[in-house]
């Protein structure tokens, strides 16, 4: 038998690279990742709590390194959500064990409690998978929000499956980071597992590695010195600068009775008390900022900032016509 030496050497090099990468990306070497998953349970409770009138609790059980083969081999009666991380050009996997799936389905359908004997084991159906999609979508939003404290990543939920088909760039030996969270409904607990291929976080590994160790899960609050870190400050400034807020130009506001609103119809005329069409107040996220002049250019209405918004009472009364 002959051995192709170059192919064997290449395979060995790739294996070594994977091993080194797996070592660098261990959760205990990525305090930023620990911070993100430390925030996740709180955000998940906010997202999932709006689905049910019954309280939901969440806590992080562990964050560990493993392989796709160990984490993504779904047992019977188990569903997973396949999540696309476009910026990382990779996929994440959300796995709900049978207990969590049944608990969430009962909660989402309006159940207010369980019998003393607890849930009766049953075979999950496609209907359960469709309802579970709601949970996965909210977990997707929660995880995106948790990551936003350090990195910007857009996560989009794809299929809900009972068998995970790996992407071509991944194999059963590919290293992953697995986070297990306990989700409690009606006093019973199910397990949600979030699987992130380490190749996915490689582009942002440096950011996750330099976060202050004081921000890690269970650690004391960060010291004042942590806020002097220039890279952290720069990243925070960039994230804030990319945030979107609502911008409104207010020509006039006045109170109106509910009776007047009820009489509105197509063709109704709403009279304004203002005699000038040039004075517009510019609000950002419902906070008055500037006075502007109303104009027109190239067929489009425009606002030119003239002055800071005067917070004193006389100016406010004048604007509202009081």
Protein backbone atom coordinates (compact mmCIF):
# COMPACT_ATOMS: atom_id res chain seq x y z
CA UNK A 1 0.00 0.00 0.00
CA UNK A 2 1.32 3.47 -0.88
CA UNK A 3 0.83 6.61 1.20
CA UNK A 4 0.32 10.02 -0.32
CA UNK A 5 2.78 11.96 1.85
CA UNK A 6 1.71 15.50 0.83
CA UNK A 7 -1.97 14.71 1.54
CA UNK A 8 -1.10 13.12 4.86
CA UNK A 9 1.03 16.14 5.82
CA UNK A 10 -1.75 18.56 4.87
CA UNK A 11 -4.28 16.61 6.93
CA UNK A 12 -1.90 16.64 9.90
CA UNK A 13 -1.39 20.39 9.59
CA UNK A 14 -5.12 21.03 9.47
CA UNK A 15 -5.61 18.81 12.52
CA UNK A 16 -2.91 20.77 14.37
CA UNK A 17 -4.50 24.09 13.37
CA UNK A 18 -7.88 22.91 14.67
CA UNK A 19 -6.32 21.81 17.93
CA UNK A 20 -4.55 25.14 18.43
CA UNK A 21 -7.67 27.06 17.52
CA UNK A 22 -9.75 24.99 19.94
CA UNK A 23 -7.26 25.78 22.70
CA UNK A 24 -7.32 29.52 22.00
CA UNK A 25 -11.10 29.61 21.86
CA UNK A 26 -11.79 27.77 25.09
CA UNK A 27 -14.47 29.64 27.05
CA UNK A 28 -12.15 30.20 30.01
CA UNK A 29 -9.79 32.09 27.67
CA UNK A 30 -12.57 34.28 26.31
CA UNK A 31 -13.86 36.44 29.19
CA UNK A 32 -15.90 38.47 26.72
CA UNK A 33 -17.85 35.36 25.74
CA UNK A 34 -18.48 34.61 29.40
CA UNK A 35 -19.80 38.14 29.84
CA UNK A 36 -22.14 37.73 26.86
CA UNK A 37 -23.60 34.45 28.12
CA UNK A 38 -23.78 35.85 31.63
CA UNK A 39 -26.16 38.51 30.25
CA UNK A 40 -28.14 36.10 28.09
CA UNK A 41 -30.49 34.57 30.74
CA UNK A 42 -31.79 38.00 31.74
CA UNK A 43 -32.48 38.98 28.12
CA UNK A 44 -34.09 35.59 27.41
CA UNK A 45 -36.49 36.02 30.32
CA UNK A 46 -37.59 39.36 28.83
CA UNK A 47 -38.07 37.82 25.37
CA UNK A 48 -39.80 34.61 26.47
CA UNK A 49 -41.80 36.24 29.25
CA UNK A 50 -43.99 38.08 26.76
CA UNK A 51 -45.18 34.80 25.19
CA UNK A 52 -46.80 33.46 28.34
CA UNK A 53 -48.67 34.90 31.29
CA UNK A 54 -46.89 32.35 33.47
CA UNK A 55 -43.43 33.42 34.81
CA UNK A 56 -40.34 31.98 33.14
CA UNK A 57 -36.91 31.63 34.71
CA UNK A 58 -33.56 31.08 33.01
CA UNK A 59 -30.04 30.44 34.23
CA UNK A 60 -26.74 29.50 32.63
CA UNK A 61 -25.65 25.99 33.63
CA UNK A 62 -22.29 25.81 31.91
CA UNK A 63 -20.17 27.01 29.01
CA UNK A 64 -17.79 24.41 27.63
CA UNK A 65 -15.73 23.33 24.63
CA UNK A 66 -16.65 20.18 22.73
CA UNK A 67 -17.11 18.99 19.15
CA UNK A 68 -20.08 19.09 16.79
CA UNK A 69 -20.30 15.31 16.97
CA UNK A 70 -20.72 15.47 20.74
CA UNK A 71 -23.14 18.41 20.78
CA UNK A 72 -25.27 18.09 17.64
CA UNK A 73 -26.20 14.41 17.59
CA UNK A 74 -29.88 14.87 18.40
CA UNK A 75 -31.59 12.23 20.56
CA UNK A 76 -35.09 11.07 19.53
CA UNK A 77 -37.94 13.53 20.14
CA UNK A 78 -35.57 16.51 20.03
CA UNK A 79 -35.76 19.60 17.82
CA UNK A 80 -33.07 22.10 16.86
CA UNK A 81 -33.13 25.53 15.28
CA UNK A 82 -30.54 26.26 12.60
CA UNK A 83 -29.39 29.88 12.88
CA UNK A 84 -27.42 31.80 10.26
CA UNK A 85 -24.72 34.24 11.41
CA UNK A 86 -24.30 36.15 8.14
CA UNK A 87 -21.40 38.33 9.25
CA UNK A 88 -19.48 35.27 10.45
CA UNK A 89 -20.50 33.24 7.38
CA UNK A 90 -21.36 30.35 9.63
CA UNK A 91 -24.22 28.56 11.39
CA UNK A 92 -25.23 28.21 15.03
CA UNK A 93 -27.55 25.58 16.48
CA UNK A 94 -30.21 25.91 19.19
CA UNK A 95 -31.24 22.55 20.68
CA UNK A 96 -34.35 22.17 22.84
CA UNK A 97 -34.67 18.97 24.82
CA UNK A 98 -38.12 17.24 24.82
CA UNK A 99 -39.03 18.64 28.25
CA UNK A 100 -38.35 22.25 27.29
CA UNK A 101 -40.23 21.85 24.02
CA UNK A 102 -43.30 20.47 25.80
CA UNK A 103 -43.12 23.15 28.53
CA UNK A 104 -42.86 25.98 26.02
CA UNK A 105 -45.70 24.61 23.87
CA UNK A 106 -47.98 24.33 26.91
CA UNK A 107 -47.06 27.83 28.02
CA UNK A 108 -47.50 29.38 24.57
CA UNK A 109 -50.93 27.75 24.22
CA UNK A 110 -52.18 29.40 27.42
CA UNK A 111 -51.65 26.68 30.03
CA UNK A 112 -51.68 28.19 33.53
CA UNK A 113 -50.24 25.23 35.38
CA UNK A 114 -49.41 21.53 35.30
CA UNK A 115 -50.97 18.61 37.19
CA UNK A 116 -49.07 17.41 40.29
CA UNK A 117 -47.79 14.44 38.30
CA UNK A 118 -46.14 16.81 35.81
CA UNK A 119 -46.03 16.49 32.04
CA UNK A 120 -47.03 13.26 30.42
CA UNK A 121 -44.39 12.02 28.01
CA UNK A 122 -45.57 12.08 24.40
CA UNK A 123 -44.25 12.01 20.90
CA UNK A 124 -43.61 15.55 19.65
CA UNK A 125 -45.17 16.57 16.35
CA UNK A 126 -44.54 19.04 13.54
CA UNK A 127 -47.07 21.32 15.21
CA UNK A 128 -44.83 21.37 18.27
CA UNK A 129 -41.89 22.22 16.00
CA UNK A 130 -43.82 25.12 14.48
CA UNK A 131 -44.67 26.52 17.91
CA UNK A 132 -41.07 25.96 19.03
CA UNK A 133 -40.00 28.22 16.16
CA UNK A 134 -41.44 31.11 18.19
CA UNK A 135 -39.10 30.30 21.06
CA UNK A 136 -36.08 29.89 18.78
CA UNK A 137 -36.83 33.22 17.11
CA UNK A 138 -36.91 34.97 20.48
CA UNK A 139 -33.72 33.23 21.62
CA UNK A 140 -32.14 34.44 18.37
CA UNK A 141 -33.06 38.02 19.25
CA UNK A 142 -31.86 37.58 22.83
CA UNK A 143 -28.49 36.19 21.74
CA UNK A 144 -28.03 38.98 19.17
CA UNK A 145 -28.75 41.50 21.92
CA UNK A 146 -26.33 39.84 24.35
CA UNK A 147 -23.54 39.80 21.74
CA UNK A 148 -24.15 43.49 20.95
CA UNK A 149 -22.37 44.58 24.14
CA UNK A 150 -19.09 43.55 22.46
CA UNK A 151 -19.62 42.67 18.79
CA UNK A 152 -22.18 43.31 16.10
CA UNK A 153 -23.66 40.11 14.68
CA UNK A 154 -26.92 39.53 12.83
CA UNK A 155 -28.54 36.18 13.60
CA UNK A 156 -31.39 34.81 11.50
CA UNK A 157 -33.40 31.69 12.31
CA UNK A 158 -33.66 29.16 9.49
CA UNK A 159 -35.22 25.68 9.67
CA UNK A 160 -36.41 23.80 12.75
CA UNK A 161 -35.20 20.22 12.33
CA UNK A 162 -35.02 16.89 14.13
CA UNK A 163 -31.67 16.05 12.50
CA UNK A 164 -28.82 18.50 11.95
CA UNK A 165 -27.22 18.40 8.52
CA UNK A 166 -23.74 19.90 8.78
CA UNK A 167 -22.49 22.58 6.44
CA UNK A 168 -19.66 21.54 4.05
CA UNK A 169 -17.01 23.47 6.02
CA UNK A 170 -17.89 21.60 9.23
CA UNK A 171 -17.38 18.00 10.34
CA UNK A 172 -18.21 15.98 13.44
CA UNK A 173 -14.72 16.74 14.78
CA UNK A 174 -15.04 20.53 14.35
CA UNK A 175 -14.57 22.26 17.73
CA UNK A 176 -17.55 24.13 19.15
CA UNK A 177 -18.51 26.07 22.23
CA UNK A 178 -21.68 24.80 23.91
CA UNK A 179 -23.77 26.79 26.35
CA UNK A 180 -26.44 24.97 28.35
CA UNK A 181 -29.26 27.01 29.87
CA UNK A 182 -31.96 25.82 32.23
CA UNK A 183 -35.39 27.24 31.33
CA UNK A 184 -38.10 26.85 33.97
CA UNK A 185 -41.86 26.90 33.42
CA UNK A 186 -44.48 25.82 35.99
CA UNK A 187 -41.70 24.77 38.39
CA UNK A 188 -40.29 22.27 35.87
CA UNK A 189 -37.03 22.71 33.99
CA UNK A 190 -35.97 21.97 30.42
CA UNK A 191 -32.58 22.45 28.81
CA UNK A 192 -31.69 24.71 25.89
CA UNK A 193 -28.25 24.14 24.33
CA UNK A 194 -26.63 26.77 22.13
CA UNK A 195 -23.85 25.41 19.92
CA UNK A 196 -21.41 27.84 18.28
CA UNK A 197 -18.68 26.47 15.96
CA UNK A 198 -15.36 27.93 17.06
CA UNK A 199 -14.65 28.79 13.42
CA UNK A 200 -17.61 31.20 13.62
CA UNK A 201 -16.13 33.31 16.43
CA UNK A 202 -12.56 33.28 15.11
CA UNK A 203 -13.00 36.69 13.36
CA UNK A 204 -13.90 38.31 16.69
CA UNK A 205 -11.77 36.18 18.99
CA UNK A 206 -9.44 39.08 19.83
CA UNK A 207 -12.37 41.21 20.98
CA UNK A 208 -13.73 38.38 23.11
CA UNK A 209 -10.28 37.70 24.57
CA UNK A 210 -9.43 41.26 25.65
CA UNK A 211 -12.63 41.97 27.58
CA UNK A 212 -11.95 42.62 31.23
CA UNK A 213 -11.80 39.44 33.30
CA UNK A 214 -13.82 41.31 35.93
CA UNK A 215 -16.79 41.11 33.58
CA UNK A 216 -16.75 37.31 33.43
CA UNK A 217 -19.72 35.34 34.71
CA UNK A 218 -19.91 35.35 38.50
CA UNK A 219 -17.01 37.77 38.90
CA UNK A 220 -17.07 40.99 40.85
CA UNK A 221 -18.20 44.17 39.04
CA UNK A 222 -15.50 45.71 36.84
CA UNK A 223 -13.20 48.17 38.56
CA UNK A 224 -12.79 51.76 37.48
CA UNK A 225 -9.58 50.75 35.78
CA UNK A 226 -11.51 48.55 33.36
CA UNK A 227 -13.18 51.62 31.89
CA UNK A 228 -9.79 53.05 30.90
CA UNK A 229 -9.25 50.33 28.33
CA UNK A 230 -9.01 52.18 25.02
CA UNK A 231 -10.09 49.28 22.80
CA UNK A 232 -13.19 48.71 24.93
CA UNK A 233 -14.04 52.42 24.87
CA UNK A 234 -13.57 52.57 21.11
CA UNK A 235 -15.76 49.51 20.55
CA UNK A 236 -18.48 50.86 22.85
CA UNK A 237 -18.44 54.22 21.06
CA UNK A 238 -18.73 52.54 17.67
CA UNK A 239 -21.66 50.38 18.82
CA UNK A 240 -23.48 53.40 20.26
CA UNK A 241 -22.85 55.40 17.07
CA UNK A 242 -24.47 52.61 15.01
CA UNK A 243 -27.61 52.53 17.17
CA UNK A 244 -30.81 53.70 15.48
CA UNK A 245 -33.18 56.21 17.06
CA UNK A 246 -36.41 57.75 15.84
CA UNK A 247 -36.19 61.26 14.35
CA UNK A 248 -39.38 63.38 14.11
CA UNK A 249 -40.07 66.88 12.86
CA UNK A 250 -42.98 68.34 14.84
CA UNK A 251 -44.85 71.25 13.25
CA UNK A 252 -47.42 71.56 16.02
CA UNK A 253 -48.99 69.51 18.79
CA UNK A 254 -52.29 70.18 20.54
CA UNK A 255 -54.71 68.20 22.70
CA UNK A 256 -57.83 66.86 21.03
CA UNK A 257 -60.93 65.24 22.49
CA UNK A 258 -61.84 61.64 21.84
CA UNK A 259 -65.16 62.87 20.43
CA UNK A 260 -63.32 64.80 17.71
CA UNK A 261 -61.28 61.72 16.84
CA UNK A 262 -64.47 59.67 16.52
CA UNK A 263 -65.84 62.18 14.00
CA UNK A 264 -62.75 61.94 11.75
CA UNK A 265 -63.48 60.70 8.22
CA UNK A 266 -61.91 60.86 4.80
CA UNK A 267 -61.87 64.54 3.80
CA UNK A 268 -61.97 65.90 7.37
CA UNK A 269 -59.92 69.05 7.98
CA UNK A 270 -57.83 69.34 11.15
CA UNK A 271 -57.14 72.99 11.97
CA UNK A 272 -53.83 74.06 13.48
CA UNK A 273 -53.44 77.12 15.69
CA UNK A 274 -49.95 77.99 14.46
CA UNK A 275 -49.70 80.83 11.94
CA UNK A 276 -46.17 79.99 10.78
CA UNK A 277 -45.23 76.98 8.69
CA UNK A 278 -41.49 77.60 9.04
CA UNK A 279 -40.97 76.70 12.72
CA UNK A 280 -40.44 72.97 13.28
CA UNK A 281 -39.22 71.21 16.41
CA UNK A 282 -36.82 68.32 15.78
CA UNK A 283 -37.16 65.40 18.23
CA UNK A 284 -34.73 62.50 18.55
CA UNK A 285 -36.21 59.48 20.30
CA UNK A 286 -39.04 61.75 21.59
CA UNK A 287 -36.56 64.23 23.14
CA UNK A 288 -36.71 67.81 21.77
CA UNK A 289 -33.30 68.88 20.45
CA UNK A 290 -33.51 71.73 17.91
CA UNK A 291 -35.69 74.35 16.28
CA UNK A 292 -35.59 74.06 12.49
CA UNK A 293 -36.69 76.00 9.42
CA UNK A 294 -38.95 74.12 7.02
CA UNK A 295 -37.93 74.30 3.38
CA UNK A 296 -38.00 72.43 0.10
CA UNK A 297 -35.24 71.19 -2.22
CA UNK A 298 -35.46 69.02 -5.33
CA UNK A 299 -39.13 68.33 -4.62
CA UNK A 300 -38.39 67.11 -1.08
CA UNK A 301 -39.22 68.79 2.22
CA UNK A 302 -36.12 69.68 4.24
CA UNK A 303 -35.30 70.92 7.73
CA UNK A 304 -32.43 73.32 8.47
CA UNK A 305 -31.30 73.42 12.10
CA UNK A 306 -31.44 77.00 13.40
CA UNK A 307 -31.20 76.86 17.16
CA UNK A 308 -31.03 74.56 20.19
CA UNK A 309 -34.39 73.70 21.71
CA UNK A 310 -35.06 76.06 24.59
CA UNK A 311 -36.24 74.02 27.57
CA UNK A 312 -37.74 76.97 29.44
CA UNK A 313 -41.50 77.06 30.02
CA UNK A 314 -42.20 80.19 27.98
CA UNK A 315 -40.82 78.60 24.79
CA UNK A 316 -42.74 75.38 25.34
CA UNK A 317 -45.97 77.26 26.01
CA UNK A 318 -45.43 79.32 22.88
CA UNK A 319 -44.88 76.20 20.77
CA UNK A 320 -48.04 74.55 22.02
CA UNK A 321 -50.03 77.77 21.71
CA UNK A 322 -50.80 77.98 25.46
